[in-house]
Amino acid sequence: PEAAWVRADARALAFVEDFDLAVTFGALGHFLPAE
């Protein structure tokens, strides 16, 4: 509950220079090479 949560399509992220570290785990197989 201490974190912020945003519902969005990762192919159309709306953030602009908001973060210093980004991570992802086990998700790349959900994106076709063209995506």
PDB file of all heavy atoms in Angstrom:
ATOM      1  N   PRO A   1       0.809  -1.232   0.000  1.00  0.00           N
ATOM      2  CA  PRO A   1       0.000   0.000   0.000  1.00  0.00           C
ATOM      3  C   PRO A   1       0.834   1.270   0.000  1.00  0.00           C
ATOM      4  O   PRO A   1       0.316   2.357  -0.290  1.00  0.00           O
ATOM      5  CB  PRO A   1      -0.824  -0.126   1.292  1.00  0.00           C
ATOM      6  CG  PRO A   1      -0.022  -1.052   2.159  1.00  0.00           C
ATOM      7  CD  PRO A   1       0.626  -2.021   1.225  1.00  0.00           C
ATOM      8  N   GLU A   2       2.116   1.167   0.317  1.00  0.00           N
ATOM      9  CA  GLU A   2       2.972   2.352   0.359  1.00  0.00           C
ATOM     10  C   GLU A   2       3.386   2.826  -1.032  1.00  0.00           C
ATOM     11  O   GLU A   2       3.849   3.965  -1.193  1.00  0.00           O
ATOM     12  CB  GLU A   2       4.230   2.057   1.189  1.00  0.00           C
ATOM     13  CG  GLU A   2       5.269   1.166   0.506  1.00  0.00           C
ATOM     14  CD  GLU A   2       4.888  -0.314   0.445  1.00  0.00           C
ATOM     15  OE1 GLU A   2       3.830  -0.702   0.990  1.00  0.00           O
ATOM     16  OE2 GLU A   2       5.654  -1.099  -0.139  1.00  0.00           O
ATOM     17  N   ALA A   3       3.229   1.975  -2.034  1.00  0.00           N
ATOM     18  CA  ALA A   3       3.648   2.314  -3.401  1.00  0.00           C
ATOM     19  C   ALA A   3       2.503   2.979  -4.163  1.00  0.00           C
ATOM     20  O   ALA A   3       1.335   2.923  -3.762  1.00  0.00           O
ATOM     21  CB  ALA A   3       4.111   1.061  -4.138  1.00  0.00           C
ATOM     22  N   ALA A   4       2.848   3.611  -5.283  1.00  0.00           N
ATOM     23  CA  ALA A   4       1.851   4.176  -6.193  1.00  0.00           C
ATOM     24  C   ALA A   4       1.600   3.173  -7.310  1.00  0.00           C
ATOM     25  O   ALA A   4       2.520   2.486  -7.762  1.00  0.00           O
ATOM     26  CB  ALA A   4       2.344   5.498  -6.772  1.00  0.00           C
ATOM     27  N   TRP A   5       0.359   3.103  -7.767  1.00  0.00           N
ATOM     28  CA  TRP A   5      -0.011   2.108  -8.781  1.00  0.00           C
ATOM     29  C   TRP A   5      -0.760   2.783  -9.905  1.00  0.00           C
ATOM     30  O   TRP A   5      -1.691   3.564  -9.666  1.00  0.00           O
ATOM     31  CB  TRP A   5      -0.858   1.002  -8.148  1.00  0.00           C
ATOM     32  CG  TRP A   5      -0.137   0.346  -7.010  1.00  0.00           C
ATOM     33  CD1 TRP A   5      -0.319   0.573  -5.690  1.00  0.00           C
ATOM     34  CD2 TRP A   5       0.928  -0.592  -7.118  1.00  0.00           C
ATOM     35  NE1 TRP A   5       0.561  -0.176  -4.954  1.00  0.00           N
ATOM     36  CE2 TRP A   5       1.339  -0.911  -5.794  1.00  0.00           C
ATOM     37  CE3 TRP A   5       1.577  -1.214  -8.189  1.00  0.00           C
ATOM     38  CZ2 TRP A   5       2.373  -1.794  -5.529  1.00  0.00           C
ATOM     39  CZ3 TRP A   5       2.594  -2.108  -7.928  1.00  0.00           C
ATOM     40  CH2 TRP A   5       2.980  -2.392  -6.609  1.00  0.00           C
ATOM     41  N   VAL A   6      -0.356   2.491 -11.136  1.00  0.00           N
ATOM     42  CA  VAL A   6      -0.920   3.143 -12.318  1.00  0.00           C
ATOM     43  C   VAL A   6      -1.349   2.071 -13.307  1.00  0.00           C
ATOM     44  O   VAL A   6      -0.558   1.180 -13.659  1.00  0.00           O
ATOM     45  CB  VAL A   6       0.104   4.085 -12.982  1.00  0.00           C
ATOM     46  CG1 VAL A   6      -0.474   4.692 -14.257  1.00  0.00           C
ATOM     47  CG2 VAL A   6       0.542   5.169 -12.009  1.00  0.00           C
ATOM     48  N   ARG A   7      -2.583   2.166 -13.763  1.00  0.00           N
ATOM     49  CA  ARG A   7      -3.052   1.253 -14.799  1.00  0.00           C
ATOM     50  C   ARG A   7      -2.797   1.881 -16.160  1.00  0.00           C
ATOM     51  O   ARG A   7      -3.302   2.962 -16.465  1.00  0.00           O
ATOM     52  CB  ARG A   7      -4.542   0.950 -14.633  1.00  0.00           C
ATOM     53  CG  ARG A   7      -5.031  -0.133 -15.591  1.00  0.00           C
ATOM     54  CD  ARG A   7      -6.508  -0.384 -15.439  1.00  0.00           C
ATOM     55  NE  ARG A   7      -6.953  -1.451 -16.339  1.00  0.00           N
ATOM     56  CZ  ARG A   7      -8.204  -1.711 -16.622  1.00  0.00           C
ATOM     57  NH1 ARG A   7      -9.181  -0.995 -16.067  1.00  0.00           N
ATOM     58  NH2 ARG A   7      -8.523  -2.693 -17.453  1.00  0.00           N
ATOM     59  N   ALA A   8      -1.975   1.219 -16.972  1.00  0.00           N
ATOM     60  CA  ALA A   8      -1.617   1.761 -18.277  1.00  0.00           C
ATOM     61  C   ALA A   8      -1.020   0.665 -19.130  1.00  0.00           C
ATOM     62  O   ALA A   8      -0.545  -0.358 -18.628  1.00  0.00           O
ATOM     63  CB  ALA A   8      -0.621   2.913 -18.135  1.00  0.00           C
ATOM     64  N   ASP A   9      -1.044   0.883 -20.428  1.00  0.00           N
ATOM     65  CA  ASP A   9      -0.395  -0.004 -21.383  1.00  0.00           C
ATOM     66  C   ASP A   9       1.081   0.354 -21.433  1.00  0.00           C
ATOM     67  O   ASP A   9       1.441   1.515 -21.704  1.00  0.00           O
ATOM     68  CB  ASP A   9      -1.040   0.173 -22.766  1.00  0.00           C
ATOM     69  CG  ASP A   9      -0.574  -0.858 -23.776  1.00  0.00           C
ATOM     70  OD1 ASP A   9       0.577  -1.343 -23.682  1.00  0.00           O
ATOM     71  OD2 ASP A   9      -1.362  -1.165 -24.698  1.00  0.00           O
ATOM     72  N   ALA A  10       1.948  -0.603 -21.184  1.00  0.00           N
ATOM     73  CA  ALA A  10       3.387  -0.334 -21.152  1.00  0.00           C
ATOM     74  C   ALA A  10       3.926   0.099 -22.509  1.00  0.00           C
ATOM     75  O   ALA A  10       5.027   0.652 -22.585  1.00  0.00           O
ATOM     76  CB  ALA A  10       4.138  -1.563 -20.664  1.00  0.00           C
ATOM     77  N   ARG A  11       3.166  -0.133 -23.575  1.00  0.00           N
ATOM     78  CA  ARG A  11       3.593   0.320 -24.896  1.00  0.00           C
ATOM     79  C   ARG A  11       3.292   1.795 -25.126  1.00  0.00           C
ATOM     80  O   ARG A  11       3.672   2.346 -26.167  1.00  0.00           O
ATOM     81  CB  ARG A  11       2.902  -0.528 -25.970  1.00  0.00           C
ATOM     82  CG  ARG A  11       3.281  -2.000 -25.932  1.00  0.00           C
ATOM     83  CD  ARG A  11       2.338  -2.835 -26.766  1.00  0.00           C
ATOM     84  NE  ARG A  11       0.986  -2.801 -26.239  1.00  0.00           N
ATOM     85  CZ  ARG A  11      -0.032  -3.538 -26.692  1.00  0.00           C
ATOM     86  NH1 ARG A  11       0.189  -4.379 -27.705  1.00  0.00           N
ATOM     87  NH2 ARG A  11      -1.230  -3.442 -26.159  1.00  0.00           N
ATOM     88  N   ALA A  12       2.633   2.427 -24.168  1.00  0.00           N
ATOM     89  CA  ALA A  12       2.284   3.846 -24.312  1.00  0.00           C
ATOM     90  C   ALA A  12       2.409   4.544 -22.962  1.00  0.00           C
ATOM     91  O   ALA A  12       1.470   5.185 -22.479  1.00  0.00           O
ATOM     92  CB  ALA A  12       0.867   3.987 -24.864  1.00  0.00           C
ATOM     93  N   LEU A  13       3.568   4.436 -22.340  1.00  0.00           N
ATOM     94  CA  LEU A  13       3.784   5.056 -21.040  1.00  0.00           C
ATOM     95  C   LEU A  13       3.745   6.581 -21.169  1.00  0.00           C
ATOM     96  O   LEU A  13       4.321   7.153 -22.095  1.00  0.00           O
ATOM     97  CB  LEU A  13       5.127   4.619 -20.462  1.00  0.00           C
ATOM     98  CG  LEU A  13       5.264   3.126 -20.120  1.00  0.00           C
ATOM     99  CD1 LEU A  13       6.687   2.825 -19.661  1.00  0.00           C
ATOM    100  CD2 LEU A  13       4.259   2.724 -19.045  1.00  0.00           C
ATOM    101  N   ALA A  14       3.098   7.216 -20.199  1.00  0.00           N
ATOM    102  CA  ALA A  14       2.934   8.667 -20.256  1.00  0.00           C
ATOM    103  C   ALA A  14       3.942   9.410 -19.379  1.00  0.00           C
ATOM    104  O   ALA A  14       3.922  10.638 -19.332  1.00  0.00           O
ATOM    105  CB  ALA A  14       1.511   9.044 -19.829  1.00  0.00           C
ATOM    106  N   PHE A  15       4.817   8.696 -18.681  1.00  0.00           N
ATOM    107  CA  PHE A  15       5.784   9.347 -17.801  1.00  0.00           C
ATOM    108  C   PHE A  15       6.865  10.068 -18.613  1.00  0.00           C
ATOM    109  O   PHE A  15       7.272   9.585 -19.670  1.00  0.00           O
ATOM    110  CB  PHE A  15       6.459   8.312 -16.897  1.00  0.00           C
ATOM    111  CG  PHE A  15       5.501   7.460 -16.119  1.00  0.00           C
ATOM    112  CD1 PHE A  15       5.386   6.106 -16.384  1.00  0.00           C
ATOM    113  CD2 PHE A  15       4.723   8.004 -15.111  1.00  0.00           C
ATOM    114  CE1 PHE A  15       4.508   5.313 -15.668  1.00  0.00           C
ATOM    115  CE2 PHE A  15       3.840   7.225 -14.391  1.00  0.00           C
ATOM    116  CZ  PHE A  15       3.725   5.871 -14.671  1.00  0.00           C
ATOM    117  N   VAL A  16       7.342  11.175 -18.080  1.00  0.00           N
ATOM    118  CA  VAL A  16       8.429  11.933 -18.718  1.00  0.00           C
ATOM    119  C   VAL A  16       9.440  12.330 -17.647  1.00  0.00           C
ATOM    120  O   VAL A  16       9.150  13.174 -16.787  1.00  0.00           O
ATOM    121  CB  VAL A  16       7.899  13.188 -19.440  1.00  0.00           C
ATOM    122  CG1 VAL A  16       9.064  13.956 -20.070  1.00  0.00           C
ATOM    123  CG2 VAL A  16       6.880  12.803 -20.512  1.00  0.00           C
ATOM    124  N   GLU A  17      10.593  11.699 -17.674  1.00  0.00           N
ATOM    125  CA  GLU A  17      11.703  11.983 -16.761  1.00  0.00           C
ATOM    126  C   GLU A  17      11.242  12.025 -15.307  1.00  0.00           C
ATOM    127  O   GLU A  17      11.570  12.953 -14.553  1.00  0.00           O
ATOM    128  CB  GLU A  17      12.405  13.286 -17.166  1.00  0.00           C
ATOM    129  CG  GLU A  17      13.069  13.178 -18.527  1.00  0.00           C
ATOM    130  CD  GLU A  17      13.989  14.347 -18.852  1.00  0.00           C
ATOM    131  OE1 GLU A  17      14.095  15.282 -18.025  1.00  0.00           O
ATOM    132  OE2 GLU A  17      14.599  14.319 -19.938  1.00  0.00           O
ATOM    133  N   ASP A  18      10.516  10.995 -14.902  1.00  0.00           N
ATOM    134  CA  ASP A  18      10.003  10.911 -13.543  1.00  0.00           C
ATOM    135  C   ASP A  18      10.784   9.958 -12.653  1.00  0.00           C
ATOM    136  O   ASP A  18      10.590   9.965 -11.434  1.00  0.00           O
ATOM    137  CB  ASP A  18       8.537  10.454 -13.567  1.00  0.00           C
ATOM    138  CG  ASP A  18       7.602  11.490 -14.144  1.00  0.00           C
ATOM    139  OD1 ASP A  18       7.781  12.674 -13.831  1.00  0.00           O
ATOM    140  OD2 ASP A  18       6.697  11.113 -14.912  1.00  0.00           O
ATOM    141  N   PHE A  19      11.662   9.122 -13.229  1.00  0.00           N
ATOM    142  CA  PHE A  19      12.265   8.038 -12.453  1.00  0.00           C
ATOM    143  C   PHE A  19      13.773   7.946 -12.695  1.00  0.00           C
ATOM    144  O   PHE A  19      14.283   8.364 -13.740  1.00  0.00           O
ATOM    145  CB  PHE A  19      11.594   6.704 -12.821  1.00  0.00           C
ATOM    146  CG  PHE A  19      10.111   6.702 -12.595  1.00  0.00           C
ATOM    147  CD1 PHE A  19       9.227   6.931 -13.651  1.00  0.00           C
ATOM    148  CD2 PHE A  19       9.595   6.511 -11.327  1.00  0.00           C
ATOM    149  CE1 PHE A  19       7.858   6.949 -13.438  1.00  0.00           C
ATOM    150  CE2 PHE A  19       8.225   6.534 -11.096  1.00  0.00           C
ATOM    151  CZ  PHE A  19       7.353   6.750 -12.161  1.00  0.00           C
ATOM    152  N   ASP A  20      14.446   7.375 -11.702  1.00  0.00           N
ATOM    153  CA  ASP A  20      15.887   7.156 -11.783  1.00  0.00           C
ATOM    154  C   ASP A  20      16.231   5.690 -12.049  1.00  0.00           C
ATOM    155  O   ASP A  20      17.311   5.394 -12.552  1.00  0.00           O
ATOM    156  CB  ASP A  20      16.543   7.599 -10.475  1.00  0.00           C
ATOM    157  CG  ASP A  20      16.203   9.041 -10.140  1.00  0.00           C
ATOM    158  OD1 ASP A  20      16.747   9.937 -10.805  1.00  0.00           O
ATOM    159  OD2 ASP A  20      15.363   9.265  -9.238  1.00  0.00           O
ATOM    160  N   LEU A  21      15.338   4.789 -11.691  1.00  0.00           N
ATOM    161  CA  LEU A  21      15.531   3.354 -11.904  1.00  0.00           C
ATOM    162  C   LEU A  21      14.219   2.744 -12.364  1.00  0.00           C
ATOM    163  O   LEU A  21      13.167   3.004 -11.769  1.00  0.00           O
ATOM    164  CB  LEU A  21      15.985   2.671 -10.607  1.00  0.00           C
ATOM    165  CG  LEU A  21      16.067   1.144 -10.640  1.00  0.00           C
ATOM    166  CD1 LEU A  21      17.139   0.664 -11.615  1.00  0.00           C
ATOM    167  CD2 LEU A  21      16.335   0.586  -9.235  1.00  0.00           C
ATOM    168  N   ALA A  22      14.276   1.965 -13.438  1.00  0.00           N
ATOM    169  CA  ALA A  22      13.124   1.191 -13.895  1.00  0.00           C
ATOM    170  C   ALA A  22      13.538  -0.271 -13.969  1.00  0.00           C
ATOM    171  O   ALA A  22      14.668  -0.587 -14.350  1.00  0.00           O
ATOM    172  CB  ALA A  22      12.641   1.674 -15.261  1.00  0.00           C
ATOM    173  N   VAL A  23      12.623  -1.157 -13.599  1.00  0.00           N
ATOM    174  CA  VAL A  23      12.868  -2.588 -13.668  1.00  0.00           C
ATOM    175  C   VAL A  23      11.668  -3.265 -14.316  1.00  0.00           C
ATOM    176  O   VAL A  23      10.575  -2.695 -14.376  1.00  0.00           O
ATOM    177  CB  VAL A  23      13.120  -3.205 -12.267  1.00  0.00           C
ATOM    178  CG1 VAL A  23      14.374  -2.621 -11.628  1.00  0.00           C
ATOM    179  CG2 VAL A  23      11.908  -2.999 -11.352  1.00  0.00           C
ATOM    180  N   THR A  24      11.882  -4.470 -14.767  1.00  0.00           N
ATOM    181  CA  THR A  24      10.769  -5.311 -15.207  1.00  0.00           C
ATOM    182  C   THR A  24      11.182  -6.760 -15.011  1.00  0.00           C
ATOM    183  O   THR A  24      12.366  -7.100 -15.128  1.00  0.00           O
ATOM    184  CB  THR A  24      10.371  -5.025 -16.669  1.00  0.00           C
ATOM    185  OG1 THR A  24       9.114  -5.671 -16.954  1.00  0.00           O
ATOM    186  CG2 THR A  24      11.417  -5.512 -17.662  1.00  0.00           C
ATOM    187  N   PHE A  25      10.226  -7.608 -14.705  1.00  0.00           N
ATOM    188  CA  PHE A  25      10.516  -9.007 -14.403  1.00  0.00           C
ATOM    189  C   PHE A  25       9.535  -9.917 -15.141  1.00  0.00           C
ATOM    190  O   PHE A  25       8.327  -9.851 -14.917  1.00  0.00           O
ATOM    191  CB  PHE A  25      10.423  -9.264 -12.888  1.00  0.00           C
ATOM    192  CG  PHE A  25      11.457  -8.520 -12.100  1.00  0.00           C
ATOM    193  CD1 PHE A  25      11.162  -7.289 -11.528  1.00  0.00           C
ATOM    194  CD2 PHE A  25      12.727  -9.039 -11.941  1.00  0.00           C
ATOM    195  CE1 PHE A  25      12.115  -6.593 -10.814  1.00  0.00           C
ATOM    196  CE2 PHE A  25      13.697  -8.352 -11.230  1.00  0.00           C
ATOM    197  CZ  PHE A  25      13.386  -7.126 -10.663  1.00  0.00           C
ATOM    198  N   GLY A  26      10.063 -10.738 -16.022  1.00  0.00           N
ATOM    199  CA  GLY A  26       9.266 -11.769 -16.658  1.00  0.00           C
ATOM    200  C   GLY A  26       8.190 -11.291 -17.604  1.00  0.00           C
ATOM    201  O   GLY A  26       7.275 -12.049 -17.918  1.00  0.00           O
ATOM    202  N   ALA A  27       8.290 -10.047 -18.083  1.00  0.00           N
ATOM    203  CA  ALA A  27       7.206  -9.490 -18.889  1.00  0.00           C
ATOM    204  C   ALA A  27       7.529  -9.382 -20.366  1.00  0.00           C
ATOM    205  O   ALA A  27       6.613  -9.195 -21.176  1.00  0.00           O
ATOM    206  CB  ALA A  27       6.819  -8.111 -18.356  1.00  0.00           C
ATOM    207  N   LEU A  28       8.782  -9.466 -20.753  1.00  0.00           N
ATOM    208  CA  LEU A  28       9.139  -9.173 -22.138  1.00  0.00           C
ATOM    209  C   LEU A  28       8.518 -10.147 -23.131  1.00  0.00           C
ATOM    210  O   LEU A  28       8.298  -9.794 -24.292  1.00  0.00           O
ATOM    211  CB  LEU A  28      10.659  -9.153 -22.300  1.00  0.00           C
ATOM    212  CG  LEU A  28      11.389  -8.029 -21.560  1.00  0.00           C
ATOM    213  CD1 LEU A  28      12.881  -8.081 -21.867  1.00  0.00           C
ATOM    214  CD2 LEU A  28      10.820  -6.662 -21.921  1.00  0.00           C
ATOM    215  N   GLY A  29       8.222 -11.367 -22.702  1.00  0.00           N
ATOM    216  CA  GLY A  29       7.586 -12.330 -23.591  1.00  0.00           C
ATOM    217  C   GLY A  29       6.167 -11.965 -23.979  1.00  0.00           C
ATOM    218  O   GLY A  29       5.589 -12.582 -24.884  1.00  0.00           O
ATOM    219  N   HIS A  30       5.606 -10.939 -23.315  1.00  0.00           N
ATOM    220  CA  HIS A  30       4.265 -10.472 -23.670  1.00  0.00           C
ATOM    221  C   HIS A  30       4.282  -9.433 -24.792  1.00  0.00           C
ATOM    222  O   HIS A  30       3.218  -8.940 -25.179  1.00  0.00           O
ATOM    223  CB  HIS A  30       3.572  -9.865 -22.448  1.00  0.00           C
ATOM    224  CG  HIS A  30       3.178 -10.876 -21.415  1.00  0.00           C
ATOM    225  ND1 HIS A  30       2.336 -11.925 -21.686  1.00  0.00           N
ATOM    226  CD2 HIS A  30       3.519 -10.999 -20.107  1.00  0.00           C
ATOM    227  CE1 HIS A  30       2.163 -12.646 -20.591  1.00  0.00           C
ATOM    228  NE2 HIS A  30       2.867 -12.106 -19.629  1.00  0.00           N
ATOM    229  N   PHE A  31       5.463  -9.108 -25.293  1.00  0.00           N
ATOM    230  CA  PHE A  31       5.575  -8.100 -26.340  1.00  0.00           C
ATOM    231  C   PHE A  31       6.218  -8.719 -27.569  1.00  0.00           C
ATOM    232  O   PHE A  31       7.331  -9.246 -27.501  1.00  0.00           O
ATOM    233  CB  PHE A  31       6.419  -6.922 -25.845  1.00  0.00           C
ATOM    234  CG  PHE A  31       5.837  -6.236 -24.640  1.00  0.00           C
ATOM    235  CD1 PHE A  31       6.217  -6.611 -23.366  1.00  0.00           C
ATOM    236  CD2 PHE A  31       4.891  -5.235 -24.793  1.00  0.00           C
ATOM    237  CE1 PHE A  31       5.672  -6.000 -22.254  1.00  0.00           C
ATOM    238  CE2 PHE A  31       4.342  -4.616 -23.688  1.00  0.00           C
ATOM    239  CZ  PHE A  31       4.725  -5.000 -22.412  1.00  0.00           C
ATOM    240  N   LEU A  32       5.516  -8.652 -28.674  1.00  0.00           N
ATOM    241  CA  LEU A  32       6.075  -9.133 -29.926  1.00  0.00           C
ATOM    242  C   LEU A  32       7.275  -8.262 -30.304  1.00  0.00           C
ATOM    243  O   LEU A  32       7.371  -7.110 -29.884  1.00  0.00           O
ATOM    244  CB  LEU A  32       5.014  -9.088 -31.017  1.00  0.00           C
ATOM    245  CG  LEU A  32       3.804 -10.006 -30.816  1.00  0.00           C
ATOM    246  CD1 LEU A  32       2.739  -9.727 -31.865  1.00  0.00           C
ATOM    247  CD2 LEU A  32       4.224 -11.478 -30.846  1.00  0.00           C
ATOM    248  N   PRO A  33       8.202  -8.804 -31.084  1.00  0.00           N
ATOM    249  CA  PRO A  33       9.379  -8.002 -31.455  1.00  0.00           C
ATOM    250  C   PRO A  33       9.025  -6.627 -32.017  1.00  0.00           C
ATOM    251  O   PRO A  33       9.722  -5.649 -31.726  1.00  0.00           O
ATOM    252  CB  PRO A  33      10.070  -8.890 -32.489  1.00  0.00           C
ATOM    253  CG  PRO A  33       9.729 -10.286 -32.055  1.00  0.00           C
ATOM    254  CD  PRO A  33       8.310 -10.196 -31.551  1.00  0.00           C
ATOM    255  N   ALA A  34       7.960  -6.545 -32.792  1.00  0.00           N
ATOM    256  CA  ALA A  34       7.573  -5.254 -33.368  1.00  0.00           C
ATOM    257  C   ALA A  34       7.058  -4.278 -32.315  1.00  0.00           C
ATOM    258  O   ALA A  34       6.978  -3.066 -32.570  1.00  0.00           O
ATOM    259  CB  ALA A  34       6.506  -5.464 -34.438  1.00  0.00           C
ATOM    260  N   GLU A  35       6.691  -4.779 -31.136  1.00  0.00           N
ATOM    261  CA  GLU A  35       6.169  -3.915 -30.076  1.00  0.00           C
ATOM    262  C   GLU A  35       7.251  -3.439 -29.109  1.00  0.00           C
ATOM    263  O   GLU A  35       7.026  -2.481 -28.357  1.00  0.00           O
ATOM    264  CB  GLU A  35       5.093  -4.664 -29.283  1.00  0.00           C
ATOM    265  CG  GLU A  35       3.881  -5.055 -30.101  1.00  0.00           C
ATOM    266  CD  GLU A  35       2.911  -5.933 -29.337  1.00  0.00           C
ATOM    267  OE1 GLU A  35       3.367  -6.866 -28.634  1.00  0.00           O
ATOM    268  OE2 GLU A  35       1.698  -5.683 -29.439  1.00  0.00           O
TER     269      GLU A  35
END
